[in-house]
Structures are given as structure tokens and as C-alpha cells.
């Protein structure tokens, strides 16, 4: 591993960790973080090209940066993640377009477009929130408390999805904490009748406070910014490689 590669990995993790803290606290990341990230990425690529000044190496880097970046922009415009997440992945692609030959540290595999392996890890790790919701809801039911009180009229499939994607939280906490978004609201019909409904899809910029039921606890989405999983996914890629590739090998390796 060259010194500029190690420096680029260290700077990337430091900036991603800072961005994660900012996003958890404020649900907003300053564009200055991405400008600094891009500056160091450009500096690393300048050193890279000075070390290996060949056309083939230049083209290899260009494709390794451009192809993931186009993919991330497309996912952003399709609404799969926010602008900050797209900027983070594009900065990663610029700063770390290809994995070092000495990575991962332990046995594992990485895609030739390194940012894609980090993206894979981020997606897989973000699914851990499902396990957390499952454990929380099972604990809630074991304690003898109803999970869907006031929502008995909702369809079974909605309740099943909500069981894995939502959890009970104090209404006051849902109103005040950026870590929660309402997963149930009160809808009122034209004749004045009201009904509590499960809300499986949410947007962070929506304000449903006035629609929350008048109860101590409500169903809520516990939200962890994707950038947190990007940071952890980057670290995991350095240690173990691409988690999806590892899972595929573990599950299907014996058939190959």
C-alpha cells in the first residue's frame, strides 16, 4: 500500500465519521465537508497519476470514478437516498477509486470499483435496523403490551411490515427527536370521523405532529442516517472486504 493510499483511507474515514456525527445531531451535513473531501480526493489522484503517468492508468482511474458516480447520481434522482449520501459516495469514488492490493486486511474480496463495495456494505449494514426493531417489538409484546392498539382495523400485511420496520416510542419523543418519524397518523374523513392509520412510507421533511394520535405511545420509524452505515461499511471493507460477496460465498460456496 502506498503512503498516499493510506492517507486517503484515513482522511475518508475521518470525514465520514465527522459527517455522521453532524447528521445524527442536526440531520444536515454542511457542503464544506464534501468540498474538503473532494479536495483531498483530487490531491490523491494527482499524486497517483504522478506516480503512474500512463494513459492506461489514467483511463482505469477515470472509469473507476465515473461509473460508480453515475450510478450514485442515478439512485439519488430516483429517490433511493438523499443528496448528502450521493455526495459522500461520489467523494469516496474520487478519493478511493480502486482498492489497494493489500486490502482487505483479513481474507475477503472487493470489487474493482471500490466505492461499489462500500455501497454494498452500507446497504447490508443498514438492514440491521430491522433486527433491532424485531427485538424491540418482541420485547414489547412479551411484556404484555399491545403493539397495534388503536390500529386493529389496519390490514394484516401492513402490521407485518410495521413489525419489522417500526417500533413503539413515546409520542413526546416522536415530536421532539430527529431520530423518530411517525409511523401512525390520525386521518379524518369528510363526515368528521377519525381513524388511526399505519404510515409505512415517510419523508424526513414531513411534519406530521398535528396528525399524531392522542396517546402516550405511538408507532414510529427509528431512523439512522445512511451516512452512519457508509462510515461503518467503509471500515468493514478495509477489514473484511465486500460483505455481500462474503455472504454469497458462505451461502453458495459449497455448490460451486
Protein backbone atom coordinates (compact mmCIF):
# COMPACT_ATOMS: atom_id res chain seq x y z
CA UNK A 1 0.00 0.00 0.00
CA UNK A 2 1.37 3.40 -0.98
CA UNK A 3 1.52 6.23 1.55
CA UNK A 4 -0.98 8.37 -0.37
CA UNK A 5 -3.45 5.45 -0.38
CA UNK A 6 -3.20 5.02 3.39
CA UNK A 7 -3.58 8.78 3.83
CA UNK A 8 -6.65 8.80 1.57
CA UNK A 9 -8.27 5.98 3.57
CA UNK A 10 -7.58 7.80 6.85
CA UNK A 11 -8.94 11.13 5.59
CA UNK A 12 -12.02 9.44 4.12
CA UNK A 13 -12.90 7.69 7.38
CA UNK A 14 -12.28 10.85 9.42
CA UNK A 15 -14.51 12.99 7.21
CA UNK A 16 -17.23 10.34 7.04
CA UNK A 17 -17.16 9.99 10.83
CA UNK A 18 -17.48 13.78 11.20
CA UNK A 19 -20.36 13.83 8.69
CA UNK A 20 -22.08 11.01 10.59
CA UNK A 21 -21.93 12.91 13.86
CA UNK A 22 -23.29 16.04 12.17
CA UNK A 23 -26.13 14.11 10.53
CA UNK A 24 -27.13 12.36 13.73
CA UNK A 25 -27.16 15.65 15.64
CA UNK A 26 -28.66 18.01 13.08
CA UNK A 27 -29.99 15.80 10.25
CA UNK A 28 -27.91 18.05 8.00
CA UNK A 29 -24.33 17.97 6.68
CA UNK A 30 -22.51 21.10 5.59
CA UNK A 31 -21.35 21.13 1.95
CA UNK A 32 -17.95 22.19 3.27
CA UNK A 33 -17.39 18.58 4.35
CA UNK A 34 -17.77 17.38 0.76
CA UNK A 35 -15.62 20.23 -0.60
CA UNK A 36 -12.80 19.22 1.75
CA UNK A 37 -13.36 15.57 0.88
CA UNK A 38 -13.22 16.34 -2.86
CA UNK A 39 -10.07 18.46 -2.41
CA UNK A 40 -8.20 15.62 -0.74
CA UNK A 41 -9.55 13.21 -3.35
CA UNK A 42 -8.21 15.36 -6.18
CA UNK A 43 -4.86 15.67 -4.40
CA UNK A 44 -4.64 11.89 -4.00
CA UNK A 45 -5.44 11.35 -7.68
CA UNK A 46 -2.80 13.92 -8.71
CA UNK A 47 -0.18 12.03 -6.68
CA UNK A 48 -1.48 8.75 -8.10
CA UNK A 49 -1.10 9.94 -11.69
CA UNK A 50 2.31 11.42 -10.95
CA UNK A 51 3.40 8.04 -9.57
CA UNK A 52 2.00 6.10 -12.55
CA UNK A 53 1.90 8.55 -15.50
CA UNK A 54 0.49 6.22 -18.15
CA UNK A 55 -2.59 6.53 -20.33
CA UNK A 56 -3.87 3.09 -19.31
CA UNK A 57 -3.69 4.02 -15.64
CA UNK A 58 -5.44 7.33 -16.29
CA UNK A 59 -8.27 5.57 -18.14
CA UNK A 60 -8.53 2.94 -15.42
CA UNK A 61 -8.93 5.66 -12.78
CA UNK A 62 -11.38 7.62 -14.93
CA UNK A 63 -13.70 4.64 -15.35
CA UNK A 64 -13.35 3.66 -11.67
CA UNK A 65 -14.52 7.14 -10.67
CA UNK A 66 -17.10 7.84 -13.38
CA UNK A 67 -19.06 4.58 -13.43
CA UNK A 68 -19.87 4.47 -9.68
CA UNK A 69 -20.54 8.23 -9.63
CA UNK A 70 -23.09 7.96 -12.44
CA UNK A 71 -24.76 5.09 -10.60
CA UNK A 72 -24.95 7.07 -7.35
CA UNK A 73 -26.36 10.11 -9.13
CA UNK A 74 -28.98 7.92 -10.74
CA UNK A 75 -30.00 6.42 -7.40
CA UNK A 76 -30.24 9.93 -5.96
CA UNK A 77 -32.51 11.17 -8.76
CA UNK A 78 -34.65 8.04 -8.39
CA UNK A 79 -35.11 8.91 -4.71
CA UNK A 80 -33.27 5.97 -3.16
CA UNK A 81 -31.16 8.23 -0.97
CA UNK A 82 -30.51 11.90 -0.26
CA UNK A 83 -28.14 14.41 -1.73
CA UNK A 84 -25.63 14.15 1.11
CA UNK A 85 -25.43 10.38 0.65
CA UNK A 86 -24.83 10.77 -3.09
CA UNK A 87 -22.08 13.34 -2.42
CA UNK A 88 -20.48 11.02 0.11
CA UNK A 89 -20.37 8.10 -2.32
CA UNK A 90 -19.03 10.26 -5.15
CA UNK A 91 -16.30 11.65 -2.87
CA UNK A 92 -15.42 8.08 -1.91
CA UNK A 93 -15.21 7.14 -5.59
CA UNK A 94 -12.89 10.08 -6.23
CA UNK A 95 -10.70 9.55 -3.19
CA UNK A 96 -10.60 5.75 -3.34
CA UNK A 97 -11.45 4.62 -6.88
CA UNK A 98 -9.69 1.25 -6.64
CA UNK A 99 -8.83 -0.89 -3.61
CA UNK A 100 -5.23 -1.33 -2.64
CA UNK A 101 -3.70 -4.73 -3.39
CA UNK A 102 -3.15 -5.18 0.36
CA UNK A 103 -6.88 -4.94 1.12
CA UNK A 104 -8.87 -6.28 2.79
CA UNK A 105 -6.67 -6.82 5.83
CA UNK A 106 -8.31 -10.17 6.53
CA UNK A 107 -9.44 -12.69 3.93
CA UNK A 108 -12.11 -11.25 1.68
CA UNK A 109 -12.91 -9.79 -1.70
CA UNK A 110 -13.50 -6.30 -3.08
CA UNK A 111 -15.00 -5.13 -6.36
CA UNK A 112 -12.58 -3.38 -8.75
CA UNK A 113 -14.72 -0.25 -8.37
CA UNK A 114 -14.07 0.16 -4.66
CA UNK A 115 -16.94 2.57 -3.99
CA UNK A 116 -19.43 -0.11 -5.06
CA UNK A 117 -18.18 -2.50 -2.38
CA UNK A 118 -18.56 0.26 0.22
CA UNK A 119 -22.08 0.89 -1.10
CA UNK A 120 -22.87 -2.85 -0.79
CA UNK A 121 -21.65 -2.86 2.81
CA UNK A 122 -23.69 0.24 3.63
CA UNK A 123 -26.89 -1.33 2.32
CA UNK A 124 -26.36 -4.61 4.15
CA UNK A 125 -25.46 -2.90 7.42
CA UNK A 126 -28.48 -0.58 7.19
CA UNK A 127 -30.70 -3.67 7.31
CA UNK A 128 -29.55 -4.19 10.90
CA UNK A 129 -32.28 -1.74 11.94
CA UNK A 130 -34.79 -4.46 11.01
CA UNK A 131 -33.23 -6.79 13.59
CA UNK A 132 -33.30 -4.02 16.19
CA UNK A 133 -36.98 -3.33 15.52
CA UNK A 134 -37.75 -7.05 15.67
CA UNK A 135 -36.01 -7.43 19.04
CA UNK A 136 -37.70 -4.31 20.44
CA UNK A 137 -41.18 -5.35 19.31
CA UNK A 138 -40.81 -8.90 20.61
CA UNK A 139 -39.72 -7.47 23.96
CA UNK A 140 -42.71 -5.12 23.90
CA UNK A 141 -45.14 -7.99 23.27
CA UNK A 142 -43.50 -10.25 25.87
CA UNK A 143 -44.04 -7.52 28.43
CA UNK A 144 -47.77 -7.87 27.75
CA UNK A 145 -48.32 -4.56 25.99
CA UNK A 146 -50.27 -4.37 22.71
CA UNK A 147 -48.28 -3.24 19.68
CA UNK A 148 -51.15 -2.25 17.41
CA UNK A 149 -53.65 -0.79 19.86
CA UNK A 150 -55.99 1.55 18.01
CA UNK A 151 -54.87 0.06 14.70
CA UNK A 152 -56.96 -3.12 14.78
CA UNK A 153 -58.72 -2.17 11.55
CA UNK A 154 -55.47 -1.99 9.58
CA UNK A 155 -54.65 -4.81 7.17
CA UNK A 156 -52.53 -7.78 8.25
CA UNK A 157 -49.82 -7.10 5.67
CA UNK A 158 -49.35 -3.58 6.98
CA UNK A 159 -48.97 -4.88 10.51
CA UNK A 160 -46.42 -7.48 9.38
CA UNK A 161 -44.34 -4.85 7.57
CA UNK A 162 -44.64 -2.47 10.52
CA UNK A 163 -43.50 -5.21 12.91
CA UNK A 164 -40.11 -5.25 11.16
CA UNK A 165 -39.78 -1.58 10.23
CA UNK A 166 -41.34 0.31 13.17
CA UNK A 167 -41.36 0.32 16.95
CA UNK A 168 -43.29 1.89 19.79
CA UNK A 169 -41.99 5.21 21.09
CA UNK A 170 -43.28 7.92 23.40
CA UNK A 171 -45.35 10.44 21.49
CA UNK A 172 -43.39 13.29 23.08
CA UNK A 173 -40.14 11.76 21.83
CA UNK A 174 -41.51 11.35 18.31
CA UNK A 175 -42.45 15.03 18.33
CA UNK A 176 -39.07 16.24 19.59
CA UNK A 177 -36.40 13.79 18.45
CA UNK A 178 -34.94 13.77 14.91
CA UNK A 179 -34.34 10.04 15.38
CA UNK A 180 -38.05 9.24 15.05
CA UNK A 181 -40.68 9.75 12.36
CA UNK A 182 -44.35 8.97 12.90
CA UNK A 183 -45.49 5.58 11.63
CA UNK A 184 -49.13 6.15 12.51
CA UNK A 185 -51.35 9.16 11.99
CA UNK A 186 -54.96 10.12 12.50
CA UNK A 187 -56.93 10.58 9.30
CA UNK A 188 -60.24 12.42 9.37
CA UNK A 189 -62.95 11.85 6.79
CA UNK A 190 -65.29 14.50 5.40
CA UNK A 191 -68.03 13.48 7.83
CA UNK A 192 -65.70 14.19 10.78
CA UNK A 193 -64.94 10.58 11.67
CA UNK A 194 -61.31 9.86 12.56
CA UNK A 195 -59.25 6.71 12.12
CA UNK A 196 -55.70 5.79 13.08
CA UNK A 197 -53.66 4.54 10.12
CA UNK A 198 -50.24 2.92 9.80
CA UNK A 199 -47.87 5.04 7.73
CA UNK A 200 -45.14 2.82 6.27
CA UNK A 201 -43.52 5.39 3.96
CA UNK A 202 -42.18 8.63 5.34
CA UNK A 203 -40.08 11.63 4.41
CA UNK A 204 -37.75 13.34 6.86
CA UNK A 205 -39.01 16.76 5.79
CA UNK A 206 -42.66 15.95 6.52
CA UNK A 207 -44.34 17.37 9.60
CA UNK A 208 -47.00 15.01 10.96
CA UNK A 209 -47.05 16.31 14.52
CA UNK A 210 -50.60 17.59 14.30
CA UNK A 211 -51.73 14.19 12.97
CA UNK A 212 -50.31 12.09 15.82
CA UNK A 213 -52.81 10.17 17.96
CA UNK A 214 -53.53 11.45 21.44
CA UNK A 215 -51.82 8.61 23.29
CA UNK A 216 -48.67 8.09 25.34
CA UNK A 217 -47.04 5.74 22.83
CA UNK A 218 -47.29 5.55 19.04
CA UNK A 219 -45.71 3.50 16.29
CA UNK A 220 -42.63 5.24 14.91
CA UNK A 221 -39.81 4.75 12.45
CA UNK A 222 -36.44 4.79 14.19
CA UNK A 223 -34.20 6.49 11.65
CA UNK A 224 -30.42 6.16 11.45
CA UNK A 225 -28.78 8.33 8.77
CA UNK A 226 -27.36 6.27 5.91
CA UNK A 227 -24.03 8.10 6.26
CA UNK A 228 -23.50 6.24 9.57
CA UNK A 229 -23.70 2.92 7.75
CA UNK A 230 -21.48 4.28 4.96
CA UNK A 231 -18.80 5.02 7.56
CA UNK A 232 -19.09 1.60 9.17
CA UNK A 233 -19.26 -0.01 5.72
CA UNK A 234 -16.01 1.72 4.72
CA UNK A 235 -14.27 0.38 7.83
CA UNK A 236 -15.70 -3.10 7.20
CA UNK A 237 -14.39 -3.03 3.62
CA UNK A 238 -10.88 -2.33 4.89
CA UNK A 239 -11.06 -5.25 7.29
CA UNK A 240 -13.23 -7.88 5.64
CA UNK A 241 -13.97 -6.70 2.10
CA UNK A 242 -17.38 -6.75 0.44
CA UNK A 243 -19.94 -8.23 2.84
CA UNK A 244 -22.34 -9.20 0.05
CA UNK A 245 -19.61 -11.18 -1.73
CA UNK A 246 -18.73 -12.88 1.57
CA UNK A 247 -22.38 -13.80 2.18
CA UNK A 248 -22.74 -15.19 -1.34
CA UNK A 249 -19.61 -17.31 -0.87
CA UNK A 250 -20.76 -18.56 2.52
CA UNK A 251 -24.27 -19.43 1.28
CA UNK A 252 -23.49 -20.73 -2.19
CA UNK A 253 -19.79 -21.58 -1.93
CA UNK A 254 -20.40 -25.25 -1.28
CA UNK A 255 -22.35 -25.55 -4.54
CA UNK A 256 -19.58 -24.03 -6.65
